[in-house]
Amino acid sequence: MADWTAVSKTSNYQDPTLTRHTSGDALSKLVRTVAAAQAAGVVSKGQPVDNPRVVKLTPQGAPTEAILTDCADGSAWLQYRTDGAKVPGVGGRHAADVQVDDIDGVWKVTKFVFHPAGTC
């Protein structure tokens, strides 16, 4: 989330920061999301609050995959147009399901689903 939050301040979908802790489907989804924001002339301000909880580790002895759940609070992480106007309908609390994998010794988010606002 910290990398996504940092990149969303400028909506630069080519920022290599996105590759530090994401890969695969998650990276593709983030790049598309940030590129769409850039095309729309939108940036984000503020900070989301997340409190992920590990619900499964695989394999148990030496995990290389973790499944997490969260109630990500985007109430203070809002989108604004370049003219300063707030984008309506963003923010809120979103249930999230996340898969994190050990890729060459680095834990990276490989899949995630953020459910609609108000789901937690």
N, C-alpha and C. Protein backbone atom coordinates (compact mmCIF):
# COMPACT_ATOMS: atom_id res chain seq x y z
N MET A 1 0.83 -1.19 0.00
CA MET A 1 0.00 0.00 0.00
C MET A 1 0.87 1.25 0.00
N ALA A 2 1.97 1.20 0.72
CA ALA A 2 2.82 2.39 0.79
C ALA A 2 3.35 2.78 -0.60
N ASP A 3 3.73 1.79 -1.40
CA ASP A 3 4.23 2.08 -2.75
C ASP A 3 3.11 2.64 -3.62
N TRP A 4 1.94 2.05 -3.56
CA TRP A 4 0.79 2.51 -4.34
C TRP A 4 0.42 3.93 -3.92
N THR A 5 0.42 4.18 -2.63
CA THR A 5 0.09 5.51 -2.12
C THR A 5 1.08 6.55 -2.64
N ALA A 6 2.36 6.21 -2.60
CA ALA A 6 3.39 7.14 -3.07
C ALA A 6 3.23 7.45 -4.55
N VAL A 7 3.03 6.43 -5.36
CA VAL A 7 2.91 6.62 -6.80
C VAL A 7 1.62 7.36 -7.16
N SER A 8 0.56 7.15 -6.40
CA SER A 8 -0.71 7.79 -6.71
C SER A 8 -0.68 9.30 -6.50
N LYS A 9 0.32 9.80 -5.81
CA LYS A 9 0.45 11.25 -5.61
C LYS A 9 0.75 11.97 -6.92
N THR A 10 1.37 11.25 -7.86
CA THR A 10 1.69 11.83 -9.16
C THR A 10 0.97 11.12 -10.30
N SER A 11 0.39 9.96 -10.01
CA SER A 11 -0.25 9.11 -11.03
C SER A 11 0.69 8.78 -12.18
N ASN A 12 1.96 8.52 -11.84
CA ASN A 12 2.94 8.11 -12.84
C ASN A 12 2.99 6.59 -12.87
N TYR A 13 2.24 6.00 -13.81
CA TYR A 13 2.15 4.54 -13.88
C TYR A 13 3.46 3.88 -14.27
N GLN A 14 4.44 4.65 -14.74
CA GLN A 14 5.74 4.09 -15.12
C GLN A 14 6.76 4.14 -13.97
N ASP A 15 6.35 4.63 -12.82
CA ASP A 15 7.24 4.71 -11.66
C ASP A 15 7.65 3.30 -11.25
N PRO A 16 8.96 3.01 -11.21
CA PRO A 16 9.43 1.67 -10.86
C PRO A 16 9.13 1.28 -9.41
N THR A 17 8.70 2.23 -8.60
CA THR A 17 8.33 1.92 -7.22
C THR A 17 7.28 0.82 -7.18
N LEU A 18 6.39 0.79 -8.17
CA LEU A 18 5.32 -0.22 -8.18
C LEU A 18 5.85 -1.64 -8.25
N THR A 19 7.04 -1.83 -8.79
CA THR A 19 7.58 -3.19 -8.94
C THR A 19 8.29 -3.69 -7.69
N ARG A 20 8.50 -2.83 -6.70
CA ARG A 20 9.24 -3.26 -5.50
C ARG A 20 8.52 -4.34 -4.72
N HIS A 21 7.21 -4.21 -4.57
CA HIS A 21 6.46 -5.14 -3.74
C HIS A 21 5.22 -5.70 -4.42
N THR A 22 5.15 -5.59 -5.75
CA THR A 22 4.05 -6.21 -6.49
C THR A 22 4.60 -6.92 -7.71
N SER A 23 3.85 -7.92 -8.16
CA SER A 23 4.25 -8.70 -9.32
C SER A 23 2.99 -9.32 -9.93
N GLY A 24 3.12 -9.82 -11.13
CA GLY A 24 2.04 -10.56 -11.77
C GLY A 24 0.75 -9.76 -11.92
N ASP A 25 -0.37 -10.42 -11.60
CA ASP A 25 -1.69 -9.82 -11.74
C ASP A 25 -1.81 -8.53 -10.94
N ALA A 26 -1.26 -8.50 -9.73
CA ALA A 26 -1.36 -7.31 -8.89
C ALA A 26 -0.64 -6.13 -9.52
N LEU A 27 0.55 -6.35 -10.06
CA LEU A 27 1.29 -5.28 -10.70
C LEU A 27 0.54 -4.77 -11.92
N SER A 28 0.04 -5.68 -12.72
CA SER A 28 -0.72 -5.30 -13.90
C SER A 28 -1.94 -4.45 -13.52
N LYS A 29 -2.64 -4.87 -12.48
CA LYS A 29 -3.83 -4.14 -12.03
C LYS A 29 -3.46 -2.75 -11.52
N LEU A 30 -2.37 -2.64 -10.76
CA LEU A 30 -1.94 -1.33 -10.25
C LEU A 30 -1.52 -0.39 -11.39
N VAL A 31 -0.77 -0.92 -12.34
CA VAL A 31 -0.33 -0.09 -13.47
C VAL A 31 -1.55 0.43 -14.24
N ARG A 32 -2.53 -0.45 -14.49
CA ARG A 32 -3.74 -0.01 -15.20
C ARG A 32 -4.50 1.04 -14.40
N THR A 33 -4.59 0.85 -13.08
CA THR A 33 -5.32 1.78 -12.22
C THR A 33 -4.65 3.15 -12.21
N VAL A 34 -3.32 3.16 -12.05
CA VAL A 34 -2.59 4.43 -12.01
C VAL A 34 -2.59 5.09 -13.39
N ALA A 35 -2.48 4.31 -14.45
CA ALA A 35 -2.52 4.87 -15.81
C ALA A 35 -3.89 5.51 -16.08
N ALA A 36 -4.95 4.88 -15.63
CA ALA A 36 -6.29 5.45 -15.82
C ALA A 36 -6.43 6.76 -15.05
N ALA A 37 -5.86 6.81 -13.85
CA ALA A 37 -5.90 8.05 -13.07
C ALA A 37 -5.12 9.15 -13.80
N GLN A 38 -3.95 8.80 -14.33
CA GLN A 38 -3.15 9.78 -15.07
C GLN A 38 -3.92 10.30 -16.29
N ALA A 39 -4.54 9.39 -17.03
CA ALA A 39 -5.30 9.79 -18.22
C ALA A 39 -6.47 10.70 -17.85
N ALA A 40 -7.04 10.49 -16.68
CA ALA A 40 -8.17 11.31 -16.23
C ALA A 40 -7.72 12.59 -15.53
N GLY A 41 -6.41 12.77 -15.36
CA GLY A 41 -5.91 13.96 -14.69
C GLY A 41 -6.20 13.95 -13.20
N VAL A 42 -6.07 12.76 -12.59
CA VAL A 42 -6.41 12.60 -11.18
C VAL A 42 -5.18 12.15 -10.40
N VAL A 43 -5.01 12.71 -9.20
CA VAL A 43 -3.97 12.28 -8.27
C VAL A 43 -4.64 12.00 -6.93
N SER A 44 -3.94 11.29 -6.07
CA SER A 44 -4.48 10.99 -4.74
C SER A 44 -3.71 11.76 -3.68
N LYS A 45 -4.42 12.13 -2.63
CA LYS A 45 -3.81 12.82 -1.50
C LYS A 45 -4.25 12.12 -0.23
N GLY A 46 -3.40 12.19 0.78
CA GLY A 46 -3.71 11.57 2.06
C GLY A 46 -3.09 10.19 2.17
N GLN A 47 -3.54 9.46 3.16
CA GLN A 47 -3.00 8.13 3.45
C GLN A 47 -4.12 7.15 3.75
N PRO A 48 -4.07 5.97 3.15
CA PRO A 48 -5.00 4.93 3.57
C PRO A 48 -4.52 4.31 4.88
N VAL A 49 -5.42 3.69 5.58
CA VAL A 49 -5.07 2.97 6.80
C VAL A 49 -5.39 1.51 6.56
N ASP A 50 -4.39 0.67 6.70
CA ASP A 50 -4.64 -0.76 6.50
C ASP A 50 -4.12 -1.53 7.72
N ASN A 51 -4.79 -2.62 8.00
CA ASN A 51 -4.43 -3.50 9.11
C ASN A 51 -4.58 -4.94 8.64
N PRO A 52 -3.68 -5.38 7.75
CA PRO A 52 -3.81 -6.73 7.21
C PRO A 52 -3.63 -7.81 8.28
N ARG A 53 -4.30 -8.92 8.02
CA ARG A 53 -4.22 -10.07 8.93
C ARG A 53 -3.95 -11.31 8.08
N VAL A 54 -2.91 -12.05 8.45
CA VAL A 54 -2.58 -13.28 7.74
C VAL A 54 -3.60 -14.35 8.13
N VAL A 55 -4.23 -14.96 7.12
CA VAL A 55 -5.21 -16.01 7.40
C VAL A 55 -4.74 -17.39 6.96
N LYS A 56 -3.67 -17.42 6.13
CA LYS A 56 -3.17 -18.72 5.69
C LYS A 56 -1.73 -18.58 5.21
N LEU A 57 -0.89 -19.53 5.60
CA LEU A 57 0.48 -19.63 5.12
C LEU A 57 0.66 -20.99 4.46
N THR A 58 1.32 -21.01 3.29
CA THR A 58 1.51 -22.25 2.56
C THR A 58 2.94 -22.31 2.03
N PRO A 59 3.66 -23.43 2.16
CA PRO A 59 3.39 -24.51 3.11
C PRO A 59 3.68 -24.04 4.53
N GLN A 60 3.12 -24.74 5.48
CA GLN A 60 3.20 -24.29 6.86
C GLN A 60 4.62 -24.23 7.41
N GLY A 61 5.45 -25.17 7.06
CA GLY A 61 6.80 -25.24 7.62
C GLY A 61 7.72 -24.14 7.14
N ALA A 62 7.67 -23.82 5.87
CA ALA A 62 8.52 -22.79 5.28
C ALA A 62 7.70 -22.06 4.22
N PRO A 63 6.84 -21.15 4.66
CA PRO A 63 5.88 -20.54 3.73
C PRO A 63 6.52 -19.75 2.60
N THR A 64 5.92 -19.90 1.44
CA THR A 64 6.29 -19.11 0.26
C THR A 64 5.07 -18.37 -0.27
N GLU A 65 3.92 -18.57 0.38
CA GLU A 65 2.69 -17.89 0.00
C GLU A 65 1.91 -17.53 1.26
N ALA A 66 1.35 -16.33 1.28
CA ALA A 66 0.52 -15.90 2.39
C ALA A 66 -0.77 -15.31 1.84
N ILE A 67 -1.87 -15.64 2.50
CA ILE A 67 -3.17 -15.05 2.16
C ILE A 67 -3.53 -14.11 3.30
N LEU A 68 -3.89 -12.89 2.95
CA LEU A 68 -4.23 -11.88 3.94
C LEU A 68 -5.63 -11.33 3.69
N THR A 69 -6.24 -10.84 4.75
CA THR A 69 -7.48 -10.09 4.62
C THR A 69 -7.26 -8.74 5.31
N ASP A 70 -8.07 -7.79 4.94
CA ASP A 70 -7.93 -6.46 5.51
C ASP A 70 -9.25 -5.72 5.36
N CYS A 71 -9.39 -4.69 6.17
CA CYS A 71 -10.44 -3.71 5.98
C CYS A 71 -9.70 -2.40 5.73
N ALA A 72 -9.38 -2.16 4.47
CA ALA A 72 -8.59 -0.98 4.10
C ALA A 72 -9.46 0.26 4.18
N ASP A 73 -9.00 1.23 4.95
CA ASP A 73 -9.76 2.45 5.15
C ASP A 73 -9.18 3.56 4.28
N GLY A 74 -9.89 3.88 3.22
CA GLY A 74 -9.46 4.94 2.30
C GLY A 74 -10.16 6.27 2.56
N SER A 75 -10.76 6.42 3.74
CA SER A 75 -11.50 7.64 4.07
C SER A 75 -10.62 8.89 4.01
N ALA A 76 -9.34 8.74 4.29
CA ALA A 76 -8.42 9.87 4.27
C ALA A 76 -7.45 9.78 3.10
N TRP A 77 -7.77 8.95 2.11
CA TRP A 77 -6.95 8.79 0.90
C TRP A 77 -7.88 9.04 -0.27
N LEU A 78 -7.91 10.29 -0.73
CA LEU A 78 -8.92 10.72 -1.68
C LEU A 78 -8.29 11.17 -2.99
N GLN A 79 -9.10 11.17 -4.03
CA GLN A 79 -8.64 11.57 -5.35
C GLN A 79 -9.09 12.99 -5.66
N TYR A 80 -8.19 13.70 -6.37
CA TYR A 80 -8.45 15.07 -6.76
C TYR A 80 -8.06 15.27 -8.21
N ARG A 81 -8.82 16.11 -8.90
CA ARG A 81 -8.46 16.49 -10.26
C ARG A 81 -7.32 17.51 -10.18
N THR A 82 -6.66 17.71 -11.30
CA THR A 82 -5.53 18.64 -11.31
C THR A 82 -5.97 20.07 -11.02
N ASP A 83 -7.27 20.39 -11.19
CA ASP A 83 -7.76 21.73 -10.84
C ASP A 83 -8.06 21.84 -9.35
N GLY A 84 -7.82 20.76 -8.58
CA GLY A 84 -8.02 20.78 -7.13
C GLY A 84 -9.37 20.27 -6.66
N ALA A 85 -10.28 20.01 -7.59
CA ALA A 85 -11.62 19.53 -7.22
C ALA A 85 -11.55 18.06 -6.78
N LYS A 86 -12.23 17.76 -5.68
CA LYS A 86 -12.28 16.39 -5.17
C LYS A 86 -13.13 15.53 -6.11
N VAL A 87 -12.66 14.32 -6.37
CA VAL A 87 -13.42 13.38 -7.18
C VAL A 87 -14.49 12.76 -6.28
N PRO A 88 -15.75 12.88 -6.64
CA PRO A 88 -16.80 12.32 -5.79
C PRO A 88 -16.82 10.79 -5.82
N GLY A 89 -17.30 10.21 -4.73
CA GLY A 89 -17.53 8.77 -4.69
C GLY A 89 -16.32 7.92 -4.39
N VAL A 90 -15.23 8.50 -3.93
CA VAL A 90 -14.06 7.69 -3.57
C VAL A 90 -13.88 7.73 -2.06
N GLY A 91 -13.05 6.86 -1.57
CA GLY A 91 -12.81 6.77 -0.13
C GLY A 91 -13.63 5.63 0.46
N GLY A 92 -13.72 5.60 1.76
CA GLY A 92 -14.50 4.57 2.44
C GLY A 92 -13.66 3.38 2.87
N ARG A 93 -14.35 2.43 3.47
CA ARG A 93 -13.70 1.22 3.98
C ARG A 93 -14.02 0.06 3.04
N HIS A 94 -12.96 -0.62 2.63
CA HIS A 94 -13.08 -1.69 1.64
C HIS A 94 -12.51 -3.00 2.19
N ALA A 95 -13.30 -4.05 2.16
CA ALA A 95 -12.75 -5.37 2.46
C ALA A 95 -11.74 -5.70 1.36
N ALA A 96 -10.64 -6.33 1.73
CA ALA A 96 -9.60 -6.67 0.76
C ALA A 96 -9.10 -8.08 1.00
N ASP A 97 -8.87 -8.78 -0.09
CA ASP A 97 -8.27 -10.12 -0.08
C ASP A 97 -6.98 -10.02 -0.86
N VAL A 98 -5.88 -10.50 -0.27
CA VAL A 98 -4.56 -10.30 -0.85
C VAL A 98 -3.76 -11.59 -0.81
N GLN A 99 -3.06 -11.88 -1.91
CA GLN A 99 -2.11 -12.99 -1.93
C GLN A 99 -0.71 -12.41 -2.06
N VAL A 100 0.20 -12.88 -1.21
CA VAL A 100 1.58 -12.43 -1.21
C VAL A 100 2.46 -13.66 -1.39
N ASP A 101 3.42 -13.57 -2.31
CA ASP A 101 4.31 -14.69 -2.59
C ASP A 101 5.76 -14.28 -2.43
N ASP A 102 6.57 -15.24 -1.99
CA ASP A 102 8.02 -15.04 -1.89
C ASP A 102 8.57 -15.24 -3.29
N ILE A 103 9.06 -14.16 -3.88
CA ILE A 103 9.63 -14.22 -5.22
C ILE A 103 11.10 -13.85 -5.12
N ASP A 104 11.95 -14.85 -5.26
CA ASP A 104 13.41 -14.66 -5.17
C ASP A 104 13.80 -13.94 -3.89
N GLY A 105 13.17 -14.35 -2.78
CA GLY A 105 13.53 -13.81 -1.47
C GLY A 105 12.84 -12.50 -1.10
N VAL A 106 11.95 -12.01 -1.95
CA VAL A 106 11.22 -10.78 -1.67
C VAL A 106 9.73 -11.10 -1.66
N TRP A 107 9.04 -10.73 -0.57
CA TRP A 107 7.59 -10.93 -0.50
C TRP A 107 6.90 -9.85 -1.33
N LYS A 108 6.11 -10.32 -2.32
CA LYS A 108 5.43 -9.40 -3.22
C LYS A 108 3.95 -9.75 -3.31
N VAL A 109 3.12 -8.72 -3.38
CA VAL A 109 1.70 -8.92 -3.61
C VAL A 109 1.55 -9.37 -5.06
N THR A 110 0.90 -10.52 -5.27
CA THR A 110 0.71 -11.05 -6.62
C THR A 110 -0.74 -11.00 -7.07
N LYS A 111 -1.66 -10.96 -6.11
CA LYS A 111 -3.09 -10.86 -6.44
C LYS A 111 -3.77 -10.08 -5.34
N PHE A 112 -4.77 -9.29 -5.71
CA PHE A 112 -5.57 -8.62 -4.69
C PHE A 112 -6.94 -8.28 -5.25
N VAL A 113 -7.89 -8.21 -4.36
CA VAL A 113 -9.24 -7.76 -4.69
C VAL A 113 -9.66 -6.78 -3.61
N PHE A 114 -10.00 -5.56 -4.01
CA PHE A 114 -10.59 -4.59 -3.11
C PHE A 114 -12.08 -4.59 -3.41
N HIS A 115 -12.87 -4.90 -2.40
CA HIS A 115 -14.31 -4.93 -2.57
C HIS A 115 -14.86 -3.51 -2.46
N PRO A 116 -16.09 -3.28 -2.86
CA PRO A 116 -16.66 -1.93 -2.86
C PRO A 116 -16.64 -1.27 -1.48
N ALA A 117 -16.67 0.05 -1.48
CA ALA A 117 -16.71 0.81 -0.24
C ALA A 117 -17.92 0.37 0.58
N GLY A 118 -17.69 0.30 1.88
CA GLY A 118 -18.77 -0.09 2.79
C GLY A 118 -18.85 -1.58 3.05
N THR A 119 -17.89 -2.35 2.55
CA THR A 119 -17.95 -3.81 2.73
C THR A 119 -17.30 -4.27 4.03
N CYS A 120 -16.84 -3.35 4.84
CA CYS A 120 -16.31 -3.71 6.15
C CYS A 120 -16.40 -2.51 7.07
